[in-house]
Amino acid sequence: MKILLRIKGTDGFVKDEEFTVRPGKSVIIGRSRSCDISLRKTRRYKSLRKRNQGETIDLRFRTVSRKHLKVNFNAPDDVEIEDMSSNGTFLDGEKIKRAVINDLDRREHSILIGVEERFVLSLAR
């Protein structure tokens, strides 16, 4: 049975979006469409853009960098979070530049980027 890293959006444009990462893989999260997890590719963002609210919602992106953070899923007990932004990344409420999570088998962790884009990290089997 292969264990995956689950990255679930809980607030902001990423709310209700879910992504999985295989061991040995990395993902970049940010507002650029070139990111593996892009705020501009979410259902909420696309919905607001269709209703001609683009300028308003783009203002909310100013605190999220084009390439904001990198998540390396090395192993279930070795998940590296690397801040690549100018505004910061928060892991469980603490501002980080780099952190390693080694207890995902026991608890979930929360990541906040920008003012409201929040993700929960957990393991999926």
C-alpha atoms as a PDB file:
ATOM      1  CA  MET A   1       0.000   0.000   0.000  1.00  0.00           C
ATOM      2  CA  LYS A   2       1.445   3.347  -1.065  1.00  0.00           C
ATOM      3  CA  ILE A   3       1.200   6.282   1.321  1.00  0.00           C
ATOM      4  CA  LEU A   4       0.530   9.695  -0.237  1.00  0.00           C
ATOM      5  CA  LEU A   5       0.770  13.222   1.111  1.00  0.00           C
ATOM      6  CA  ARG A   6      -2.645  14.908   1.071  1.00  0.00           C
ATOM      7  CA  ILE A   7      -2.730  18.702   0.742  1.00  0.00           C
ATOM      8  CA  LYS A   8      -6.265  19.948   1.349  1.00  0.00           C
ATOM      9  CA  GLY A   9      -7.329  23.577   1.019  1.00  0.00           C
ATOM     10  CA  THR A  10      -9.471  24.768   3.922  1.00  0.00           C
ATOM     11  CA  ASP A  11      -9.691  28.570   3.460  1.00  0.00           C
ATOM     12  CA  GLY A  12      -9.421  31.123   0.676  1.00  0.00           C
ATOM     13  CA  PHE A  13      -9.462  30.260  -3.006  1.00  0.00           C
ATOM     14  CA  VAL A  14      -8.075  26.801  -2.237  1.00  0.00           C
ATOM     15  CA  LYS A  15     -11.008  25.853   0.017  1.00  0.00           C
ATOM     16  CA  ASP A  16     -12.283  22.372  -0.853  1.00  0.00           C
ATOM     17  CA  GLU A  17      -9.421  21.713  -3.307  1.00  0.00           C
ATOM     18  CA  GLU A  18      -7.427  18.548  -2.633  1.00  0.00           C
ATOM     19  CA  PHE A  19      -4.090  17.409  -3.997  1.00  0.00           C
ATOM     20  CA  THR A  20      -1.954  14.320  -3.442  1.00  0.00           C
ATOM     21  CA  VAL A  21       1.798  13.939  -3.724  1.00  0.00           C
ATOM     22  CA  ARG A  22       3.676  10.660  -4.114  1.00  0.00           C
ATOM     23  CA  PRO A  23       6.798   9.888  -2.083  1.00  0.00           C
ATOM     24  CA  GLY A  24       9.912  11.328  -3.671  1.00  0.00           C
ATOM     25  CA  LYS A  25       8.004  14.155  -5.380  1.00  0.00           C
ATOM     26  CA  SER A  26       7.803  17.908  -4.803  1.00  0.00           C
ATOM     27  CA  VAL A  27       5.158  20.534  -5.529  1.00  0.00           C
ATOM     28  CA  ILE A  28       5.356  24.308  -5.831  1.00  0.00           C
ATOM     29  CA  ILE A  29       2.390  26.291  -4.481  1.00  0.00           C
ATOM     30  CA  GLY A  30       1.654  29.886  -5.501  1.00  0.00           C
ATOM     31  CA  ARG A  31      -0.442  32.189  -7.634  1.00  0.00           C
ATOM     32  CA  SER A  32       1.383  31.549 -10.916  1.00  0.00           C
ATOM     33  CA  ARG A  33      -0.340  29.230 -13.365  1.00  0.00           C
ATOM     34  CA  SER A  34       3.027  27.469 -13.742  1.00  0.00           C
ATOM     35  CA  CYS A  35       2.826  26.184 -10.147  1.00  0.00           C
ATOM     36  CA  ASP A  36       1.826  22.600  -9.460  1.00  0.00           C
ATOM     37  CA  ILE A  37      -0.827  23.976  -7.105  1.00  0.00           C
ATOM     38  CA  SER A  38      -1.895  27.345  -8.506  1.00  0.00           C
ATOM     39  CA  LEU A  39      -4.453  29.626  -6.878  1.00  0.00           C
ATOM     40  CA  ARG A  40      -5.416  30.760 -10.379  1.00  0.00           C
ATOM     41  CA  LYS A  41      -6.417  27.191 -11.298  1.00  0.00           C
ATOM     42  CA  THR A  42      -8.868  26.728  -8.418  1.00  0.00           C
ATOM     43  CA  ARG A  43     -12.634  26.434  -8.948  1.00  0.00           C
ATOM     44  CA  ARG A  44     -13.322  29.481  -6.740  1.00  0.00           C
ATOM     45  CA  TYR A  45     -10.916  31.715  -8.627  1.00  0.00           C
ATOM     46  CA  LYS A  46     -12.269  30.642 -12.015  1.00  0.00           C
ATOM     47  CA  SER A  47     -15.837  31.178 -10.829  1.00  0.00           C
ATOM     48  CA  LEU A  48     -15.144  34.742  -9.688  1.00  0.00           C
ATOM     49  CA  ARG A  49     -13.230  35.537 -12.877  1.00  0.00           C
ATOM     50  CA  LYS A  50     -16.232  34.452 -14.943  1.00  0.00           C
ATOM     51  CA  ARG A  51     -18.403  36.902 -12.999  1.00  0.00           C
ATOM     52  CA  ASN A  52     -16.057  39.778 -13.979  1.00  0.00           C
ATOM     53  CA  GLN A  53     -14.669  40.277 -10.503  1.00  0.00           C
ATOM     54  CA  GLY A  54     -11.076  39.773 -11.626  1.00  0.00           C
ATOM     55  CA  GLU A  55      -9.641  43.072 -10.430  1.00  0.00           C
ATOM     56  CA  THR A  56     -11.172  42.670  -6.983  1.00  0.00           C
ATOM     57  CA  ILE A  57      -9.925  39.144  -6.434  1.00  0.00           C
ATOM     58  CA  ASP A  58      -6.471  39.868  -7.818  1.00  0.00           C
ATOM     59  CA  LEU A  59      -5.952  42.318  -4.935  1.00  0.00           C
ATOM     60  CA  ARG A  60      -6.180  39.354  -2.532  1.00  0.00           C
ATOM     61  CA  PHE A  61      -3.263  37.706  -4.317  1.00  0.00           C
ATOM     62  CA  ARG A  62      -0.758  40.400  -3.451  1.00  0.00           C
ATOM     63  CA  THR A  63       0.268  38.575  -0.289  1.00  0.00           C
ATOM     64  CA  VAL A  64       0.829  35.281  -2.155  1.00  0.00           C
ATOM     65  CA  SER A  65       3.987  35.103  -4.251  1.00  0.00           C
ATOM     66  CA  ARG A  66       4.009  33.691  -7.757  1.00  0.00           C
ATOM     67  CA  LYS A  67       6.005  30.759  -6.374  1.00  0.00           C
ATOM     68  CA  HIS A  68       5.294  30.902  -2.660  1.00  0.00           C
ATOM     69  CA  LEU A  69       6.448  27.605  -1.196  1.00  0.00           C
ATOM     70  CA  LYS A  70       7.831  24.213  -2.040  1.00  0.00           C
ATOM     71  CA  VAL A  71       6.694  20.989  -0.401  1.00  0.00           C
ATOM     72  CA  ASN A  72       9.047  18.005  -0.690  1.00  0.00           C
ATOM     73  CA  PHE A  73       7.469  14.661   0.199  1.00  0.00           C
ATOM     74  CA  ASN A  74      10.609  12.629   0.802  1.00  0.00           C
ATOM     75  CA  ALA A  75       8.904  10.020   3.012  1.00  0.00           C
ATOM     76  CA  PRO A  76       5.948   9.885   5.443  1.00  0.00           C
ATOM     77  CA  ASP A  77       8.282  10.944   8.256  1.00  0.00           C
ATOM     78  CA  ASP A  78      10.210  13.473   6.152  1.00  0.00           C
ATOM     79  CA  VAL A  79       8.149  16.294   4.610  1.00  0.00           C
ATOM     80  CA  GLU A  80      10.139  19.441   3.961  1.00  0.00           C
ATOM     81  CA  ILE A  81       8.432  22.840   3.694  1.00  0.00           C
ATOM     82  CA  GLU A  82      10.493  25.606   2.106  1.00  0.00           C
ATOM     83  CA  ASP A  83       9.296  29.222   2.016  1.00  0.00           C
ATOM     84  CA  MET A  84      10.117  30.871  -1.325  1.00  0.00           C
ATOM     85  CA  SER A  85       8.132  34.071  -0.760  1.00  0.00           C
ATOM     86  CA  SER A  86       8.763  37.601   0.356  1.00  0.00           C
ATOM     87  CA  ASN A  87       5.724  37.644   2.671  1.00  0.00           C
ATOM     88  CA  GLY A  88       6.275  34.418   4.568  1.00  0.00           C
ATOM     89  CA  THR A  89       4.798  31.014   5.164  1.00  0.00           C
ATOM     90  CA  PHE A  90       3.277  29.865   8.448  1.00  0.00           C
ATOM     91  CA  LEU A  91       3.399  26.265   9.621  1.00  0.00           C
ATOM     92  CA  ASP A  92       1.048  25.621  12.542  1.00  0.00           C
ATOM     93  CA  GLY A  93       1.016  29.359  13.287  1.00  0.00           C
ATOM     94  CA  GLU A  94       4.809  29.790  13.282  1.00  0.00           C
ATOM     95  CA  LYS A  95       6.564  31.752  10.552  1.00  0.00           C
ATOM     96  CA  ILE A  96       9.146  29.541   8.871  1.00  0.00           C
ATOM     97  CA  LYS A  97      11.797  29.710   6.187  1.00  0.00           C
ATOM     98  CA  ARG A  98      12.308  25.951   6.175  1.00  0.00           C
ATOM     99  CA  ALA A  99      10.867  23.173   8.303  1.00  0.00           C
ATOM    100  CA  VAL A 100      10.787  19.386   8.340  1.00  0.00           C
ATOM    101  CA  ILE A 101       7.655  17.570   9.453  1.00  0.00           C
ATOM    102  CA  ASN A 102       8.301  14.121  10.871  1.00  0.00           C
ATOM    103  CA  ASP A 103       5.037  13.301  12.667  1.00  0.00           C
ATOM    104  CA  LEU A 104       2.330  13.305   9.972  1.00  0.00           C
ATOM    105  CA  ASP A 105       1.458   9.750  10.958  1.00  0.00           C
ATOM    106  CA  ARG A 106       0.303  11.141  14.331  1.00  0.00           C
ATOM    107  CA  ARG A 107      -1.199  14.548  13.467  1.00  0.00           C
ATOM    108  CA  GLU A 108      -2.141  16.958  10.702  1.00  0.00           C
ATOM    109  CA  HIS A 109      -0.312  20.230  10.101  1.00  0.00           C
ATOM    110  CA  SER A 110      -1.609  23.576   8.863  1.00  0.00           C
ATOM    111  CA  ILE A 111       0.069  25.884   6.345  1.00  0.00           C
ATOM    112  CA  LEU A 112      -0.990  29.501   5.803  1.00  0.00           C
ATOM    113  CA  ILE A 113       0.187  31.557   2.843  1.00  0.00           C
ATOM    114  CA  GLY A 114      -0.952  35.097   2.202  1.00  0.00           C
ATOM    115  CA  VAL A 115      -3.761  36.411   4.348  1.00  0.00           C
ATOM    116  CA  GLU A 116      -6.191  33.527   3.952  1.00  0.00           C
ATOM    117  CA  GLU A 117      -4.941  30.635   1.829  1.00  0.00           C
ATOM    118  CA  ARG A 118      -4.772  27.731   4.256  1.00  0.00           C
ATOM    119  CA  PHE A 119      -3.924  24.085   3.674  1.00  0.00           C
ATOM    120  CA  VAL A 120      -3.956  21.030   5.933  1.00  0.00           C
ATOM    121  CA  LEU A 121      -1.289  18.391   5.391  1.00  0.00           C
ATOM    122  CA  SER A 122      -2.015  14.758   6.226  1.00  0.00           C
ATOM    123  CA  LEU A 123      -1.185  11.261   5.027  1.00  0.00           C
ATOM    124  CA  ALA A 124      -3.498   9.311   2.720  1.00  0.00           C
ATOM    125  CA  ARG A 125      -3.405   5.564   2.233  1.00  0.00           C
END
